[in-house]
Amino acid sequence: MIGATEKKLKNIIKKNRTICFILIDHENKSKKQIIETIKKTEKIGIHGILIGGSTATDQNELDIITKTIKSTTSLPIILFPGNITGISRNADAILFSSLLNSNNPYFIIQAQMLSAPLIKKYNLESIPMGYIIIGNGGTTGYIGNARGIPTEKGDIAAMYALAAQYMGMRVIYLEGGSGVTQPIPSTLIKKVRKIFNGILIVGGGIRSAEDAIKISNAGADIIVIGTLIEEKEFEYKLKEIINILKK
């Protein structure tokens, strides 16, 4: 069943073609830093906020941070957990993801099985998503024990996406990884877009308007900006990205 947040996302995408989310990794960041980032990015024109991270998460801290963000903005707040500790009752929804190309069953189904009762208890809106690591995947690929898909093998990524669709997943997230220097090639994204009938998210290595428009033209519905917003003066580059997506 499609929930209110997912419906809202689909409507925003329909109006804007490609939209921009930021990814907040709250580890080692103060509430003040996070609030400042939210206010700056919302003013620039982002469409939503993902809260997550690849490493261990303090659930109590996550609850506090999510509640604080919720009181700061009216934008959709969606959990993007790297493990079962990344769940908070204070978010609007959760990307209930399976790391499809992991070599470890834990990240494909076991973590999901362990977290499902808590998601039900919190009455969190769950958005089923296939998560696919492209290339080495940075920290995410290492932690998730992923067998990264080579960037020139778009057909393999497309097959994973089609399998996810047949299993009922309504979202695909193509992940280049945190801290990577190059975004996922548009040729690979186009192959996935051609075959997948759902929301397509792309993240990792997006640092310029040029990167963003190539990914948008390749068929991404949502681009995710993470590492860029950790820079001291990120506003100018993010504003360029938002502006080019509006054209």
C-alpha atoms as a PDB file:
ATOM      1  CA  MET A   1       0.000   0.000   0.000  1.00  0.00           C
ATOM      2  CA  ILE A   2       1.369   3.409  -0.991  1.00  0.00           C
ATOM      3  CA  GLY A   3       1.487   5.858   1.929  1.00  0.00           C
ATOM      4  CA  ALA A   4       1.106   9.622   2.138  1.00  0.00           C
ATOM      5  CA  THR A   5       4.822  10.448   1.915  1.00  0.00           C
ATOM      6  CA  GLU A   6       5.400   8.278  -1.145  1.00  0.00           C
ATOM      7  CA  LYS A   7       2.340   9.816  -2.847  1.00  0.00           C
ATOM      8  CA  LYS A   8       3.699  13.272  -2.045  1.00  0.00           C
ATOM      9  CA  LEU A   9       7.069  12.372  -3.569  1.00  0.00           C
ATOM     10  CA  LYS A  10       5.451  11.090  -6.752  1.00  0.00           C
ATOM     11  CA  ASN A  11       3.469  14.307  -7.097  1.00  0.00           C
ATOM     12  CA  ILE A  12       6.558  16.485  -6.568  1.00  0.00           C
ATOM     13  CA  ILE A  13       8.501  14.441  -9.142  1.00  0.00           C
ATOM     14  CA  LYS A  14       5.631  14.746 -11.620  1.00  0.00           C
ATOM     15  CA  LYS A  15       5.731  18.528 -11.306  1.00  0.00           C
ATOM     16  CA  ASN A  16       9.525  18.941 -11.315  1.00  0.00           C
ATOM     17  CA  ARG A  17      10.921  15.977 -13.297  1.00  0.00           C
ATOM     18  CA  THR A  18      14.059  15.539 -11.155  1.00  0.00           C
ATOM     19  CA  ILE A  19      14.156  16.630  -7.515  1.00  0.00           C
ATOM     20  CA  CYS A  20      16.984  16.973  -5.004  1.00  0.00           C
ATOM     21  CA  PHE A  21      17.331  15.460  -1.537  1.00  0.00           C
ATOM     22  CA  ILE A  22      20.117  15.976   0.943  1.00  0.00           C
ATOM     23  CA  LEU A  23      21.513  13.136   3.025  1.00  0.00           C
ATOM     24  CA  ILE A  24      22.183  13.948   6.666  1.00  0.00           C
ATOM     25  CA  ASP A  25      24.693  11.634   8.334  1.00  0.00           C
ATOM     26  CA  HIS A  26      24.285  12.794  11.922  1.00  0.00           C
ATOM     27  CA  GLU A  27      27.345  10.968  13.322  1.00  0.00           C
ATOM     28  CA  ASN A  28      29.850  13.424  14.812  1.00  0.00           C
ATOM     29  CA  LYS A  29      27.632  16.448  14.108  1.00  0.00           C
ATOM     30  CA  SER A  30      25.997  18.729  16.642  1.00  0.00           C
ATOM     31  CA  LYS A  31      22.297  19.610  16.584  1.00  0.00           C
ATOM     32  CA  LYS A  32      23.277  23.190  15.837  1.00  0.00           C
ATOM     33  CA  GLN A  33      25.289  22.165  12.754  1.00  0.00           C
ATOM     34  CA  ILE A  34      22.462  19.995  11.458  1.00  0.00           C
ATOM     35  CA  ILE A  35      19.810  22.687  11.973  1.00  0.00           C
ATOM     36  CA  GLU A  36      21.976  25.258  10.165  1.00  0.00           C
ATOM     37  CA  THR A  37      22.436  22.861   7.244  1.00  0.00           C
ATOM     38  CA  ILE A  38      18.687  22.157   7.057  1.00  0.00           C
ATOM     39  CA  LYS A  39      17.809  25.859   7.066  1.00  0.00           C
ATOM     40  CA  LYS A  40      20.404  26.721   4.408  1.00  0.00           C
ATOM     41  CA  THR A  41      19.464  23.871   2.082  1.00  0.00           C
ATOM     42  CA  GLU A  42      15.710  24.407   2.449  1.00  0.00           C
ATOM     43  CA  LYS A  43      16.180  28.061   1.541  1.00  0.00           C
ATOM     44  CA  ILE A  44      18.112  27.011  -1.567  1.00  0.00           C
ATOM     45  CA  GLY A  45      15.245  24.770  -2.638  1.00  0.00           C
ATOM     46  CA  ILE A  46      15.820  21.103  -1.786  1.00  0.00           C
ATOM     47  CA  HIS A  47      12.746  18.866  -1.818  1.00  0.00           C
ATOM     48  CA  GLY A  48      13.404  16.431   1.017  1.00  0.00           C
ATOM     49  CA  ILE A  49      15.779  15.053   3.649  1.00  0.00           C
ATOM     50  CA  LEU A  50      17.249  11.584   4.069  1.00  0.00           C
ATOM     51  CA  ILE A  51      18.664  10.678   7.476  1.00  0.00           C
ATOM     52  CA  GLY A  52      21.128   7.824   7.552  1.00  0.00           C
ATOM     53  CA  GLY A  53      24.695   6.618   7.561  1.00  0.00           C
ATOM     54  CA  SER A  54      26.820   3.575   6.813  1.00  0.00           C
ATOM     55  CA  THR A  55      28.250   3.050  10.287  1.00  0.00           C
ATOM     56  CA  ALA A  56      26.827   2.380  13.754  1.00  0.00           C
ATOM     57  CA  THR A  57      24.093   4.686  14.998  1.00  0.00           C
ATOM     58  CA  ASP A  58      23.090   5.750  18.502  1.00  0.00           C
ATOM     59  CA  GLN A  59      19.300   5.264  18.428  1.00  0.00           C
ATOM     60  CA  ASN A  60      18.622   7.708  21.242  1.00  0.00           C
ATOM     61  CA  GLU A  61      20.675  10.371  19.453  1.00  0.00           C
ATOM     62  CA  LEU A  62      18.902   9.562  16.181  1.00  0.00           C
ATOM     63  CA  ASP A  63      15.516  10.070  17.851  1.00  0.00           C
ATOM     64  CA  ILE A  64      16.579  13.460  19.170  1.00  0.00           C
ATOM     65  CA  ILE A  65      18.072  14.572  15.843  1.00  0.00           C
ATOM     66  CA  THR A  66      15.037  13.429  13.844  1.00  0.00           C
ATOM     67  CA  LYS A  67      12.652  15.176  16.223  1.00  0.00           C
ATOM     68  CA  THR A  68      14.754  18.351  16.018  1.00  0.00           C
ATOM     69  CA  ILE A  69      14.745  18.283  12.211  1.00  0.00           C
ATOM     70  CA  LYS A  70      10.989  17.659  12.229  1.00  0.00           C
ATOM     71  CA  SER A  71      10.474  20.807  14.298  1.00  0.00           C
ATOM     72  CA  THR A  72      12.712  22.805  11.933  1.00  0.00           C
ATOM     73  CA  THR A  73      11.209  21.998   8.529  1.00  0.00           C
ATOM     74  CA  SER A  74       8.038  20.875   6.771  1.00  0.00           C
ATOM     75  CA  LEU A  75       9.995  18.969   4.127  1.00  0.00           C
ATOM     76  CA  PRO A  76       9.593  15.167   3.943  1.00  0.00           C
ATOM     77  CA  ILE A  77      11.956  13.437   6.390  1.00  0.00           C
ATOM     78  CA  ILE A  78      12.784   9.894   5.332  1.00  0.00           C
ATOM     79  CA  LEU A  79      15.028   7.419   7.138  1.00  0.00           C
ATOM     80  CA  PHE A  80      17.740   5.779   5.077  1.00  0.00           C
ATOM     81  CA  PRO A  81      19.275   3.375   7.599  1.00  0.00           C
ATOM     82  CA  GLY A  82      22.450   1.386   7.124  1.00  0.00           C
ATOM     83  CA  ASN A  83      21.455  -1.011   9.897  1.00  0.00           C
ATOM     84  CA  ILE A  84      18.682  -1.838  12.365  1.00  0.00           C
ATOM     85  CA  THR A  85      19.828   0.964  14.676  1.00  0.00           C
ATOM     86  CA  GLY A  86      18.863   3.617  12.103  1.00  0.00           C
ATOM     87  CA  ILE A  87      15.149   3.664  12.943  1.00  0.00           C
ATOM     88  CA  SER A  88      13.273   6.510  14.625  1.00  0.00           C
ATOM     89  CA  ARG A  89       9.567   6.987  15.312  1.00  0.00           C
ATOM     90  CA  ASN A  90       9.918  10.711  14.522  1.00  0.00           C
ATOM     91  CA  ALA A  91      10.413  10.427  10.739  1.00  0.00           C
ATOM     92  CA  ASP A  92       7.730  10.618   8.051  1.00  0.00           C
ATOM     93  CA  ALA A  93       8.778   7.377   6.364  1.00  0.00           C
ATOM     94  CA  ILE A  94      11.580   4.852   5.967  1.00  0.00           C
ATOM     95  CA  LEU A  95      13.255   3.519   2.837  1.00  0.00           C
ATOM     96  CA  PHE A  96      12.845  -0.171   3.599  1.00  0.00           C
ATOM     97  CA  SER A  97      15.759  -1.299   1.520  1.00  0.00           C
ATOM     98  CA  SER A  98      17.476  -4.510   0.562  1.00  0.00           C
ATOM     99  CA  LEU A  99      21.118  -4.271  -0.540  1.00  0.00           C
ATOM    100  CA  LEU A 100      20.546  -6.470  -3.556  1.00  0.00           C
ATOM    101  CA  ASN A 101      24.160  -7.059  -4.567  1.00  0.00           C
ATOM    102  CA  SER A 102      25.580  -7.716  -1.101  1.00  0.00           C
ATOM    103  CA  ASN A 103      27.478 -10.950  -0.518  1.00  0.00           C
ATOM    104  CA  ASN A 104      26.100 -11.007   3.028  1.00  0.00           C
ATOM    105  CA  PRO A 105      22.494 -12.224   3.535  1.00  0.00           C
ATOM    106  CA  TYR A 106      22.278  -9.936   6.567  1.00  0.00           C
ATOM    107  CA  PHE A 107      22.045  -6.846   4.342  1.00  0.00           C
ATOM    108  CA  ILE A 108      19.687  -8.520   1.854  1.00  0.00           C
ATOM    109  CA  ILE A 109      16.998  -9.789   4.253  1.00  0.00           C
ATOM    110  CA  GLN A 110      18.125 -10.441   7.851  1.00  0.00           C
ATOM    111  CA  ALA A 111      18.397  -6.811   8.981  1.00  0.00           C
ATOM    112  CA  GLN A 112      15.018  -6.205   7.362  1.00  0.00           C
ATOM    113  CA  MET A 113      13.466  -9.125   9.248  1.00  0.00           C
ATOM    114  CA  LEU A 114      14.882  -7.846  12.548  1.00  0.00           C
ATOM    115  CA  SER A 115      13.720  -4.276  11.991  1.00  0.00           C
ATOM    116  CA  ALA A 116      10.223  -5.028  10.639  1.00  0.00           C
ATOM    117  CA  PRO A 117       8.499  -5.419  14.068  1.00  0.00           C
ATOM    118  CA  LEU A 118       9.878  -2.062  15.238  1.00  0.00           C
ATOM    119  CA  ILE A 119       8.723  -0.309  12.061  1.00  0.00           C
ATOM    120  CA  LYS A 120       5.257  -1.786  12.597  1.00  0.00           C
ATOM    121  CA  LYS A 121       5.275  -0.754  16.267  1.00  0.00           C
ATOM    122  CA  TYR A 122       6.184   2.846  15.332  1.00  0.00           C
ATOM    123  CA  ASN A 123       3.603   2.830  12.506  1.00  0.00           C
ATOM    124  CA  LEU A 124       6.269   4.178  10.152  1.00  0.00           C
ATOM    125  CA  GLU A 125       5.402   4.454   6.491  1.00  0.00           C
ATOM    126  CA  SER A 126       7.573   1.887   4.720  1.00  0.00           C
ATOM    127  CA  ILE A 127       8.738   2.466   1.130  1.00  0.00           C
ATOM    128  CA  PRO A 128      10.103  -0.778  -0.407  1.00  0.00           C
ATOM    129  CA  MET A 129      13.416  -0.152  -2.163  1.00  0.00           C
ATOM    130  CA  GLY A 130      16.105  -2.066  -3.982  1.00  0.00           C
ATOM    131  CA  TYR A 131      19.550  -0.700  -3.117  1.00  0.00           C
ATOM    132  CA  ILE A 132      22.311  -1.323  -5.677  1.00  0.00           C
ATOM    133  CA  ILE A 133      25.990  -0.495  -5.186  1.00  0.00           C
ATOM    134  CA  ILE A 134      27.810   0.682  -8.313  1.00  0.00           C
ATOM    135  CA  GLY A 135      31.622   0.502  -8.436  1.00  0.00           C
ATOM    136  CA  ASN A 136      33.421   0.099  -5.105  1.00  0.00           C
ATOM    137  CA  GLY A 137      30.660   1.974  -3.274  1.00  0.00           C
ATOM    138  CA  GLY A 138      32.981   3.745  -0.849  1.00  0.00           C
ATOM    139  CA  THR A 139      32.215   3.191   2.834  1.00  0.00           C
ATOM    140  CA  THR A 140      28.726   1.906   2.039  1.00  0.00           C
ATOM    141  CA  GLY A 141      30.072  -0.787  -0.251  1.00  0.00           C
ATOM    142  CA  TYR A 142      32.681  -1.866   2.286  1.00  0.00           C
ATOM    143  CA  ILE A 143      30.303  -2.025   5.256  1.00  0.00           C
ATOM    144  CA  GLY A 144      27.593  -3.737   3.206  1.00  0.00           C
ATOM    145  CA  ASN A 145      30.010  -6.312   1.791  1.00  0.00           C
ATOM    146  CA  ALA A 146      28.735  -5.466  -1.672  1.00  0.00           C
ATOM    147  CA  ARG A 147      29.854  -6.981  -4.937  1.00  0.00           C
ATOM    148  CA  GLY A 148      29.861  -3.646  -6.716  1.00  0.00           C
ATOM    149  CA  ILE A 149      28.622  -3.557 -10.291  1.00  0.00           C
ATOM    150  CA  PRO A 150      31.298  -2.200 -12.667  1.00  0.00           C
ATOM    151  CA  THR A 151      30.273   1.175 -14.094  1.00  0.00           C
ATOM    152  CA  GLU A 152      30.470  -0.160 -17.662  1.00  0.00           C
ATOM    153  CA  LYS A 153      28.067  -3.047 -16.878  1.00  0.00           C
ATOM    154  CA  GLY A 154      24.761  -1.188 -16.977  1.00  0.00           C
ATOM    155  CA  ASP A 155      22.901  -4.268 -18.193  1.00  0.00           C
ATOM    156  CA  ILE A 156      23.654  -6.026 -14.901  1.00  0.00           C
ATOM    157  CA  ALA A 157      22.338  -3.084 -12.881  1.00  0.00           C
ATOM    158  CA  ALA A 158      19.205  -3.105 -15.070  1.00  0.00           C
ATOM    159  CA  MET A 159      18.647  -6.805 -14.395  1.00  0.00           C
ATOM    160  CA  TYR A 160      18.868  -6.211 -10.650  1.00  0.00           C
ATOM    161  CA  ALA A 161      16.378  -3.347 -10.977  1.00  0.00           C
ATOM    162  CA  LEU A 162      13.938  -5.468 -12.994  1.00  0.00           C
ATOM    163  CA  ALA A 163      14.175  -8.286 -10.440  1.00  0.00           C
ATOM    164  CA  ALA A 164      13.456  -5.757  -7.671  1.00  0.00           C
ATOM    165  CA  GLN A 165      10.404  -4.516  -9.582  1.00  0.00           C
ATOM    166  CA  TYR A 166       9.098  -8.068  -9.963  1.00  0.00           C
ATOM    167  CA  MET A 167       9.518  -8.511  -6.194  1.00  0.00           C
ATOM    168  CA  GLY A 168       7.324  -5.477  -5.587  1.00  0.00           C
ATOM    169  CA  MET A 169       9.941  -2.817  -4.846  1.00  0.00           C
ATOM    170  CA  ARG A 170       8.713   0.597  -5.971  1.00  0.00           C
ATOM    171  CA  VAL A 171      12.040   2.426  -5.636  1.00  0.00           C
ATOM    172  CA  ILE A 172      15.575   1.745  -6.879  1.00  0.00           C
ATOM    173  CA  TYR A 173      18.564   3.551  -5.382  1.00  0.00           C
ATOM    174  CA  LEU A 174      21.766   3.461  -7.451  1.00  0.00           C
ATOM    175  CA  GLU A 175      24.576   4.199  -5.013  1.00  0.00           C
ATOM    176  CA  GLY A 176      28.044   5.324  -6.026  1.00  0.00           C
ATOM    177  CA  GLY A 177      29.062   5.526  -2.350  1.00  0.00           C
ATOM    178  CA  SER A 178      29.941   8.206   0.156  1.00  0.00           C
ATOM    179  CA  GLY A 179      33.092  10.181  -0.586  1.00  0.00           C
ATOM    180  CA  VAL A 180      33.533   8.922  -4.159  1.00  0.00           C
ATOM    181  CA  THR A 181      34.972  11.425  -6.615  1.00  0.00           C
ATOM    182  CA  GLN A 182      32.911  10.565  -9.707  1.00  0.00           C
ATOM    183  CA  PRO A 183      29.141  10.130 -10.080  1.00  0.00           C
ATOM    184  CA  ILE A 184      27.517   7.075 -11.640  1.00  0.00           C
ATOM    185  CA  PRO A 185      27.785   7.286 -15.468  1.00  0.00           C
ATOM    186  CA  SER A 186      24.655   8.386 -17.301  1.00  0.00           C
ATOM    187  CA  THR A 187      24.933   5.380 -19.648  1.00  0.00           C
ATOM    188  CA  LEU A 188      24.325   3.014 -16.721  1.00  0.00           C
ATOM    189  CA  ILE A 189      21.466   5.119 -15.333  1.00  0.00           C
ATOM    190  CA  LYS A 190      19.754   5.165 -18.748  1.00  0.00           C
ATOM    191  CA  LYS A 191      19.790   1.364 -18.926  1.00  0.00           C
ATOM    192  CA  VAL A 192      18.159   1.092 -15.507  1.00  0.00           C
ATOM    193  CA  ARG A 193      15.631   3.813 -16.329  1.00  0.00           C
ATOM    194  CA  LYS A 194      14.633   2.069 -19.535  1.00  0.00           C
ATOM    195  CA  ILE A 195      13.662  -1.101 -17.706  1.00  0.00           C
ATOM    196  CA  PHE A 196      12.506   0.058 -14.252  1.00  0.00           C
ATOM    197  CA  ASN A 197       9.002   1.440 -13.770  1.00  0.00           C
ATOM    198  CA  GLY A 198       9.250   3.247 -10.435  1.00  0.00           C
ATOM    199  CA  ILE A 199      11.073   5.992  -8.565  1.00  0.00           C
ATOM    200  CA  LEU A 200      14.766   6.035  -9.479  1.00  0.00           C
ATOM    201  CA  ILE A 201      17.175   7.577  -6.960  1.00  0.00           C
ATOM    202  CA  VAL A 202      20.850   8.230  -7.738  1.00  0.00           C
ATOM    203  CA  GLY A 203      23.505   9.238  -5.216  1.00  0.00           C
ATOM    204  CA  GLY A 204      27.258   9.384  -4.788  1.00  0.00           C
ATOM    205  CA  GLY A 205      29.841  11.759  -6.230  1.00  0.00           C
ATOM    206  CA  ILE A 206      27.381  14.451  -7.386  1.00  0.00           C
ATOM    207  CA  ARG A 207      29.259  17.680  -6.824  1.00  0.00           C
ATOM    208  CA  SER A 208      28.300  20.045  -9.636  1.00  0.00           C
ATOM    209  CA  ALA A 209      25.435  21.277 -11.793  1.00  0.00           C
ATOM    210  CA  GLU A 210      27.018  19.477 -14.735  1.00  0.00           C
ATOM    211  CA  ASP A 211      26.898  16.166 -12.835  1.00  0.00           C
ATOM    212  CA  ALA A 212      23.300  16.801 -11.792  1.00  0.00           C
ATOM    213  CA  ILE A 213      21.919  17.599 -15.247  1.00  0.00           C
ATOM    214  CA  LYS A 214      23.588  14.558 -16.826  1.00  0.00           C
ATOM    215  CA  ILE A 215      21.994  12.322 -14.186  1.00  0.00           C
ATOM    216  CA  SER A 216      18.638  14.069 -14.576  1.00  0.00           C
ATOM    217  CA  ASN A 217      18.699  13.678 -18.360  1.00  0.00           C
ATOM    218  CA  ALA A 218      19.572  10.004 -17.918  1.00  0.00           C
ATOM    219  CA  GLY A 219      16.259   9.505 -16.102  1.00  0.00           C
ATOM    220  CA  ALA A 220      16.829   9.939 -12.365  1.00  0.00           C
ATOM    221  CA  ASP A 221      13.783  11.064 -10.399  1.00  0.00           C
ATOM    222  CA  ILE A 222      15.733  12.022  -7.276  1.00  0.00           C
ATOM    223  CA  ILE A 223      19.384  12.944  -6.867  1.00  0.00           C
ATOM    224  CA  VAL A 224      20.937  12.775  -3.422  1.00  0.00           C
ATOM    225  CA  ILE A 225      23.612  15.196  -2.229  1.00  0.00           C
ATOM    226  CA  GLY A 226      25.635  14.106   0.795  1.00  0.00           C
ATOM    227  CA  THR A 227      29.367  14.803   0.874  1.00  0.00           C
ATOM    228  CA  LEU A 228      28.999  18.212  -0.783  1.00  0.00           C
ATOM    229  CA  ILE A 229      26.920  19.681   2.073  1.00  0.00           C
ATOM    230  CA  GLU A 230      29.648  18.769   4.544  1.00  0.00           C
ATOM    231  CA  GLU A 231      31.902  21.392   2.984  1.00  0.00           C
ATOM    232  CA  LYS A 232      32.103  24.775   4.711  1.00  0.00           C
ATOM    233  CA  GLU A 233      30.805  26.811   1.780  1.00  0.00           C
ATOM    234  CA  PHE A 234      28.535  24.417  -0.074  1.00  0.00           C
ATOM    235  CA  GLU A 235      25.660  26.816  -0.773  1.00  0.00           C
ATOM    236  CA  TYR A 236      26.875  28.139  -4.131  1.00  0.00           C
ATOM    237  CA  LYS A 237      27.358  24.685  -5.670  1.00  0.00           C
ATOM    238  CA  LEU A 238      24.080  23.380  -4.278  1.00  0.00           C
ATOM    239  CA  LYS A 239      22.229  26.432  -5.592  1.00  0.00           C
ATOM    240  CA  GLU A 240      23.679  25.785  -9.065  1.00  0.00           C
ATOM    241  CA  ILE A 241      22.487  22.172  -8.876  1.00  0.00           C
ATOM    242  CA  ILE A 242      18.953  23.162  -7.826  1.00  0.00           C
ATOM    243  CA  ASN A 243      18.730  25.880 -10.484  1.00  0.00           C
ATOM    244  CA  ILE A 244      19.810  23.650 -13.342  1.00  0.00           C
ATOM    245  CA  LEU A 245      17.289  20.980 -12.329  1.00  0.00           C
ATOM    246  CA  LYS A 246      14.516  23.582 -12.556  1.00  0.00           C
ATOM    247  CA  LYS A 247      15.276  24.392 -16.211  1.00  0.00           C
END
